[in-house]
Protein backbone atom coordinates (compact mmCIF):
# COMPACT_ATOMS: atom_id res chain seq x y z
CA MET A 1 -3.38 -24.64 24.36
CA ALA A 2 -2.51 -21.12 24.06
CA GLY A 3 -1.70 -18.16 26.74
CA GLY A 4 0.78 -15.54 27.50
CA ARG A 5 0.50 -11.90 28.70
CA VAL A 6 -1.28 -8.74 27.66
CA LEU A 7 1.75 -5.99 27.99
CA ARG A 8 1.56 -2.34 27.29
CA ALA A 9 4.14 -0.52 25.33
CA ARG A 10 6.11 2.13 26.97
CA ALA A 11 9.24 3.97 26.60
CA ALA A 12 11.78 2.15 28.47
CA ASP A 13 9.81 -1.27 28.97
CA SER A 14 6.50 -2.77 28.69
CA VAL A 15 4.14 -3.27 31.78
CA PRO A 16 1.41 -6.18 32.36
CA VAL A 17 -2.02 -4.98 31.28
CA PRO A 18 -4.53 -6.39 34.23
CA LEU A 19 -8.11 -7.58 33.17
CA ALA A 20 -7.60 -7.10 29.63
CA ARG A 21 -10.25 -8.99 27.57
CA VAL A 22 -8.30 -11.17 25.18
CA VAL A 23 -10.37 -12.69 22.01
CA LEU A 24 -9.37 -16.20 20.18
CA HIS A 25 -9.95 -15.85 16.56
CA ARG A 26 -10.39 -18.87 14.15
CA VAL A 27 -9.50 -18.39 10.42
CA GLY A 28 -10.85 -21.36 8.41
CA ARG A 29 -11.59 -22.19 5.01
CA GLU A 30 -15.44 -21.88 5.31
CA GLU A 31 -15.42 -19.53 8.08
CA GLN A 32 -13.84 -17.08 10.24
CA GLY A 33 -14.32 -15.03 13.62
CA PRO A 34 -14.02 -15.16 17.31
CA VAL A 35 -14.48 -18.17 19.07
CA ASP A 36 -13.86 -17.54 22.57
CA SER A 37 -12.85 -14.94 24.66
CA THR A 38 -11.08 -14.32 28.56
CA VAL A 39 -9.90 -11.95 30.90
CA ALA A 40 -6.55 -11.64 31.85
CA ASP A 41 -5.47 -11.73 35.43
CA ALA A 42 -3.88 -9.21 37.77
CA ARG A 43 -0.65 -9.57 36.20
CA GLY A 44 -1.72 -9.64 32.49
CA ARG A 45 -1.56 -13.34 32.16
CA PHE A 46 -4.50 -15.57 29.98
CA ALA A 47 -4.78 -18.80 28.78
CA PHE A 48 -7.11 -20.86 26.09
CA ARG A 49 -7.72 -24.52 26.02
CA PHE A 50 -9.17 -25.44 22.78
CA LEU A 51 -9.22 -28.65 20.19
CA ALA A 52 -7.27 -26.83 17.55
CA ASP A 53 -8.14 -27.56 13.50
CA THR A 54 -4.88 -27.68 11.88
CA SER A 55 -6.53 -26.56 8.46
CA ALA A 56 -7.33 -23.03 10.54
CA ILE A 57 -5.09 -20.25 12.08
CA TYR A 58 -5.78 -18.84 15.38
CA LEU A 59 -5.04 -15.35 16.12
CA LEU A 60 -5.73 -13.65 19.46
CA SER A 61 -6.67 -9.81 19.93
CA ALA A 62 -7.20 -7.39 22.76
CA ARG A 63 -8.47 -3.70 22.51
CA HIS A 64 -6.81 -0.81 24.34
CA ASP A 65 -7.68 2.69 23.87
CA GLY A 66 -10.35 1.85 21.43
CA VAL A 67 -7.53 0.07 18.84
CA ALA A 68 -7.47 -3.53 18.24
CA TYR A 69 -3.97 -5.33 18.53
CA PHE A 70 -3.23 -8.87 17.58
CA ALA A 71 -0.46 -11.24 18.37
CA PRO A 72 1.48 -13.42 15.96
CA PRO A 73 -0.62 -16.49 14.80
CA VAL A 74 -0.77 -19.24 17.54
CA HIS A 75 1.29 -22.30 16.96
CA THR A 76 -1.24 -25.24 17.08
CA ASN A 77 1.17 -28.30 17.72
CA PRO A 78 -0.33 -30.15 20.73
CA GLU A 79 2.83 -31.28 21.59
CA ARG A 80 4.10 -27.79 21.88
CA PRO A 81 1.73 -25.53 23.43
CA ASP A 82 1.94 -21.75 22.72
CA THR A 83 2.05 -20.49 26.33
CA ALA A 84 4.49 -17.34 26.04
CA ILE A 85 2.69 -15.21 23.51
CA GLU A 86 3.18 -11.60 24.34
CA LEU A 87 -0.03 -9.43 23.09
CA VAL A 88 1.44 -5.90 23.13
CA VAL A 89 -0.91 -2.96 23.19
CA ALA A 90 -0.07 0.89 23.54
CA ASP A 91 -1.87 4.08 24.96
CA THR A 92 -2.74 6.59 22.55
CA SER A 93 -1.41 10.14 22.42
CA SER A 94 -1.78 13.27 20.29
CA ARG A 95 1.58 14.41 20.88
CA GLY A 96 3.24 11.50 18.96
CA ARG A 97 4.88 11.97 15.46
CA VAL A 98 3.99 9.88 12.54
CA THR A 99 6.32 10.44 9.45
CA VAL A 100 6.31 9.02 5.83
CA SER A 101 9.61 6.52 5.78
CA ALA A 102 8.97 5.45 2.32
CA ARG A 103 6.55 6.34 -0.90
CA HIS A 104 6.36 3.62 -3.69
CA ILE A 105 4.56 5.02 -6.65
CA VAL A 106 3.41 3.08 -9.75
CA ILE A 107 1.91 4.74 -12.79
CA SER A 108 0.47 2.40 -15.46
CA ALA A 109 0.01 3.13 -19.25
CA PRO A 110 -3.34 4.28 -20.16
CA ASP A 111 -6.28 2.03 -20.30
CA GLU A 112 -8.74 1.55 -22.96
CA HIS A 113 -10.67 4.50 -21.82
CA GLY A 114 -7.48 6.59 -21.81
CA ALA A 115 -6.99 6.69 -17.82
CA ARG A 116 -3.78 5.89 -16.10
CA ALA A 117 -4.19 3.55 -13.04
CA VAL A 118 -1.98 4.42 -9.86
CA VAL A 119 -0.95 2.63 -7.06
CA GLU A 120 0.77 3.91 -4.01
CA VAL A 121 2.18 1.90 -1.13
CA ILE A 122 2.99 4.19 1.75
CA LEU A 123 5.32 3.48 4.76
CA LEU A 124 4.05 5.50 7.65
CA HIS A 125 6.39 5.22 10.73
CA ASN A 126 5.23 5.91 14.40
CA ASP A 127 8.43 5.43 16.40
CA GLY A 128 6.95 6.45 19.83
CA PRO A 129 5.54 4.17 22.35
CA SER A 130 1.88 5.11 22.08
CA ALA A 131 -0.41 4.97 19.14
CA VAL A 132 -0.68 8.48 17.57
CA VAL A 133 -4.18 9.98 17.21
CA ALA A 134 -5.36 13.80 15.87
CA ALA A 135 -6.03 16.29 18.50
CA ASP A 136 -9.20 17.17 16.84
CA THR A 137 -11.25 14.02 15.69
CA THR A 138 -12.43 16.01 12.72
CA GLN A 139 -8.76 16.29 11.58
CA PRO A 140 -6.42 13.39 10.19
CA THR A 141 -3.81 11.70 12.39
CA VAL A 142 -1.59 11.79 9.01
CA ALA A 143 -2.27 12.99 5.32
CA VAL A 144 -0.30 12.56 2.25
CA ARG A 145 -0.60 14.88 -0.78
CA VAL A 146 -1.64 13.27 -4.18
CA PRO A 147 -1.86 14.86 -7.42
CA ARG A 148 -4.85 17.36 -8.12
CA ALA A 149 -6.16 15.19 -11.21
CA ALA A 150 -6.37 12.11 -9.31
CA THR A 151 -10.19 10.78 -9.33
CA GLY A 152 -11.69 7.57 -7.78
CA ILE A 153 -9.26 7.39 -4.81
CA THR A 154 -9.75 4.19 -2.85
CA THR A 155 -7.73 1.82 -0.28
CA GLY A 156 -5.86 -1.23 -1.34
CA GLU A 157 -4.81 -4.25 1.03
CA GLY A 158 -2.91 -2.41 3.77
CA ASP A 159 -2.85 -1.88 7.34
CA PHE A 160 -6.09 0.82 7.09
CA SER A 161 -9.51 0.16 6.23
CA ALA A 162 -11.27 2.14 3.66
CA ALA A 163 -13.37 3.67 6.54
CA ALA A 164 -10.51 4.81 8.29
CA VAL A 165 -9.21 6.73 4.91
CA ARG A 166 -10.63 9.18 3.14
CA PRO A 167 -9.87 12.48 0.85
CA VAL A 168 -9.16 15.94 2.46
CA GLY A 169 -8.71 18.34 -0.22
CA ASP A 170 -5.57 17.45 -2.45
CA SER A 171 -4.65 14.98 0.00
CA VAL A 172 -5.44 11.62 1.68
CA GLY A 173 -5.94 11.34 5.52
CA VAL A 174 -5.86 8.66 7.77
CA PHE A 175 -8.44 9.21 10.54
CA GLY A 176 -7.88 7.15 14.01
CA ALA A 177 -5.08 5.77 15.85
CA ILE A 178 -1.94 4.81 13.98
CA ALA A 179 0.01 2.30 16.29
CA PRO A 180 3.66 2.10 17.00
CA GLY A 181 5.93 0.94 14.40
CA GLU A 182 5.56 0.75 10.81
CA ARG A 183 2.21 0.96 9.07
CA GLN A 184 1.43 0.47 5.49
CA LEU A 185 -1.08 2.86 3.51
CA VAL A 186 -2.17 1.41 0.02
CA LEU A 187 -4.04 3.91 -2.02
CA GLN A 188 -5.20 3.45 -5.35
CA TYR A 189 -6.65 6.01 -7.82
CA ALA A 190 -6.58 7.13 -11.72
CA LEU A 191 -5.00 9.98 -13.29
CA PRO A 192 -7.14 11.31 -16.76
CA GLY A 193 -5.28 10.60 -19.91
CA ASP A 194 -5.69 14.05 -21.33
CA ILE A 195 -3.06 15.51 -18.80
CA GLY A 196 0.35 16.49 -19.57
CA ARG A 197 1.58 15.95 -16.35
CA ALA A 198 1.33 14.62 -12.63
CA GLU A 199 2.93 16.36 -9.77
CA PHE A 200 3.39 14.82 -6.40
CA ALA A 201 4.08 17.34 -3.26
CA PHE A 202 5.86 16.42 -0.10
CA GLU A 203 5.13 18.45 2.78
CA GLY A 204 8.00 16.71 4.88
CA PRO A 205 11.16 14.82 3.90
CA VAL A 206 10.92 11.10 2.56
CA PRO A 207 13.98 9.05 2.97
CA LEU A 208 12.97 6.86 0.13
CA VAL A 209 10.69 7.42 -3.04
CA ASN A 210 10.20 4.80 -5.48
CA LEU A 211 8.51 5.62 -8.91
CA MET A 212 7.81 2.94 -11.40
CA LEU A 213 6.45 4.01 -14.84
CA GLU A 214 5.01 1.72 -17.56
CA GLU A 215 5.37 4.20 -20.26
CA LYS A 216 8.79 4.49 -21.50
CA SER A 217 8.58 7.64 -22.93
CA ALA A 218 7.27 9.40 -19.49
CA ARG A 219 10.04 11.61 -17.78
CA VAL A 220 10.51 12.74 -14.40
CA LEU A 221 11.95 16.02 -12.89
CA GLY A 222 12.29 16.59 -8.98
CA GLY A 223 15.63 14.82 -8.05
CA LEU A 224 15.12 11.20 -8.25
CA GLU A 225 17.68 9.32 -10.45
CA ALA A 226 16.64 6.75 -13.15
CA GLN A 227 17.92 3.29 -12.31
CA PRO A 228 19.45 0.83 -14.71
CA ASP A 229 17.17 -2.11 -13.88
CA SER A 230 13.49 -2.56 -14.34
CA GLU A 231 10.68 -4.12 -12.54
CA THR A 232 8.26 -6.44 -13.40
CA ILE A 233 4.63 -6.53 -12.05
CA GLN A 234 2.13 -9.18 -13.27
CA GLY A 235 4.07 -9.66 -16.32
CA ARG A 236 4.23 -5.76 -17.53
CA GLY A 237 7.46 -3.75 -17.45
CA PHE A 238 8.02 -0.65 -15.44
CA SER A 239 10.91 1.51 -15.58
CA ARG A 240 12.30 3.10 -12.09
CA TRP A 241 13.41 6.35 -10.59
CA GLU A 242 14.29 6.23 -7.03
CA GLY A 243 16.04 8.78 -4.28
CA PRO A 244 15.14 10.62 -1.18
CA VAL A 245 13.01 13.68 -1.11
CA ARG A 246 13.40 16.88 0.86
CA ALA A 247 10.72 18.91 2.63
CA GLY A 248 8.55 20.88 0.45
CA ALA A 249 10.02 19.19 -2.88
CA ARG A 250 8.01 18.68 -5.85
CA LEU A 251 8.03 15.97 -8.01
CA VAL A 252 6.84 16.36 -11.40
CA VAL A 253 6.34 13.45 -14.00
CA ARG A 254 5.62 14.60 -17.81
CA LEU A 255 3.58 11.92 -19.55
CA PRO A 256 3.13 11.57 -23.17
CA ARG A 257 0.21 11.58 -25.69
CA PRO A 258 -1.73 8.57 -24.50
CA VAL A 259 -1.41 5.32 -26.54
CA ARG A 260 -4.34 3.14 -25.06
CA LEU A 261 -3.90 -0.22 -24.04
CA GLY A 262 -6.72 -2.88 -24.78
CA GLY A 263 -8.60 -5.41 -23.09
CA TRP A 264 -7.33 -3.88 -19.59
CA ALA A 265 -10.08 -2.58 -17.05
CA LEU A 266 -9.06 0.35 -14.88
CA ALA A 267 -10.50 -1.20 -11.49
CA ALA A 268 -8.85 -4.70 -12.41
CA LEU A 269 -5.72 -3.44 -13.21
CA VAL A 270 -5.44 -1.24 -10.12
CA GLY A 271 -6.36 -4.15 -7.84
CA THR A 272 -3.81 -6.40 -9.46
CA LEU A 273 -1.00 -4.01 -8.61
CA ALA A 274 -2.11 -3.20 -5.38
CA ILE A 275 -2.23 -6.78 -4.39
CA ALA A 276 1.28 -7.31 -6.10
CA LEU A 277 2.88 -3.97 -4.43
CA ALA A 278 1.65 -4.77 -1.12
CA ALA A 279 2.93 -8.30 -1.15
CA VAL A 280 6.61 -7.07 -2.28
CA SER A 281 6.80 -3.35 -0.82
CA TRP A 282 8.73 -4.69 1.77
CA ARG A 283 11.52 -5.69 -0.39
CA GLY A 284 12.34 -2.52 -1.95
CA PHE A 285 10.51 -3.54 -5.12
CA ARG A 286 13.29 -5.76 -6.21
CA PRO A 287 12.41 -7.36 -9.74
CA ALA A 288 10.03 -9.99 -9.68
CA ALA A 289 10.73 -12.94 -11.52
CA ARG A 290 7.15 -13.98 -12.04
CA ALA A 291 3.64 -12.50 -11.34
CA ALA A 292 2.41 -12.64 -7.92
CA PRO A 293 -0.72 -14.29 -7.51
CA ALA A 294 -3.64 -12.18 -6.11
CA GLU A 295 -3.82 -13.42 -2.15
CA SER A 296 -7.05 -13.52 0.10
CA PRO A 297 -7.51 -14.94 3.53
CA ALA A 298 -9.13 -18.05 2.02
CA SER A 299 -6.26 -18.78 -0.29
CA LEU A 300 -3.58 -18.14 2.58
CA VAL A 301 -5.60 -20.45 4.61
CA ASP A 302 -5.63 -23.30 1.75
CA ALA A 303 -1.95 -22.90 1.15
CA ILE A 304 -0.99 -23.60 4.79
CA ALA A 305 -3.43 -26.68 4.80
CA ARG A 306 -1.35 -27.92 1.71
CA LEU A 307 2.08 -27.26 3.13
CA ASP A 308 0.73 -28.87 6.45
CA ALA A 309 -0.44 -32.04 4.63
CA ALA A 310 2.64 -32.41 2.31
CA HIS A 311 4.90 -31.91 5.85
CA ALA A 312 3.08 -34.39 7.67
CA ALA A 313 3.51 -36.93 4.73
CA ARG A 314 7.35 -36.67 5.12
CA MET A 315 7.49 -36.05 8.87
CA PRO A 316 11.43 -35.01 9.08
CA PRO A 317 13.61 -35.28 11.91
CA PRO A 318 13.23 -31.93 14.14
CA ASP A 319 16.86 -30.98 13.51
CA ALA A 320 16.74 -31.74 9.68
CA PRO A 321 16.84 -29.00 7.00
CA GLU A 322 13.40 -29.72 5.76
CA GLN A 323 11.83 -28.73 9.08
CA ALA A 324 13.38 -25.53 9.30
CA ALA A 325 12.45 -24.88 5.75
CA TYR A 326 8.72 -25.86 6.58
CA GLU A 327 8.61 -23.83 9.66
CA GLY A 328 9.86 -20.74 7.89
CA GLU A 329 7.68 -20.93 5.04
CA ARG A 330 4.90 -21.55 7.32
CA ALA A 331 5.60 -18.43 9.30
CA ARG A 332 5.80 -16.65 6.16
CA LEU A 333 2.43 -17.41 4.92
CA LYS A 334 1.05 -16.87 8.27
CA ALA A 335 2.55 -13.27 8.60
CA ARG A 336 1.01 -12.77 5.23
CA LEU A 337 -2.67 -13.51 6.61
CA VAL A 338 -2.21 -11.58 9.82
CA GLY A 339 -1.47 -8.66 7.37
CA LEU A 340 -4.68 -9.24 5.67
CA LEU A 341 -6.97 -9.53 8.62
CA ALA A 342 -5.42 -7.37 11.32
CA ARG A 343 -5.76 -3.78 10.55
CA PRO A 344 -4.07 -2.01 14.04
CA GLY A 345 -5.08 1.60 12.82
CA ASP A 346 -8.82 1.00 12.66
CA VAL A 347 -10.87 2.58 15.56
CA PRO A 348 -14.49 1.31 15.13
């Protein structure tokens, strides 16, 4: 059983949303999709009764003002029904403000064709109670400038789908609503091997910029400080520059003459970096001891199922340290799965 309330976020408090339609989703190894729906009552309360498949993940969603919102995954232990879920939605407004709270930029060494793969993990922050939309639907809700030489711009695993993100002049814009809180935008593109510099312009201040370069002879101008430690992503070493950036600043990366890497396809390298960076960006890009594996909903569901099977074989007491460790690891895997599936910034 699963139940709770649909609440609408407000500046001082949250209020119930009457008659909201709530959808129950099942994410399993073989298939995923909605399995049931209901309408909340006048107090925003809802409930589902279902026989849970312990190898699957169950999510609840509701739409409000054209934006889909997801609650944390449902607990499926039949002895502990999850009946206090809060599914929080928000109004939309064109008067809100979205800022960039952090920007992580990774530039790889040239591949066999001379192109440098670039991955950016950009954290967008909406500190208001409403989801922010642009006043004009032809304009992006927020835009981030990228180097003029950037080619093949695509969207990686983050909180926005490819349909919600597209180039606008020398920038990349997010079209559609940006829900309250912090949202992750992942960009992937390439820089031609024959350019001697890449310039990143910042229209507004950014409290934290992490720049990582695989080429040791590359140089950085613009105020970031070189860090004594380095980062490892998928077994490859990157030097690091870090610091805040003021509004109107320009960060210039001087690139050496290309020395091409053999055997690395650009698309594969960009995809690998995007997955690794999206997984560790919240930790501030701390050095990794080993490569992070590529994740997908299917692999995460499988990992949760293996964890559950191992736990069932041991069955530690409820107050044992092993039980707390199990619950913590299961929550981490579920949160990662929600991050891959739930994209609150999308508007169909």
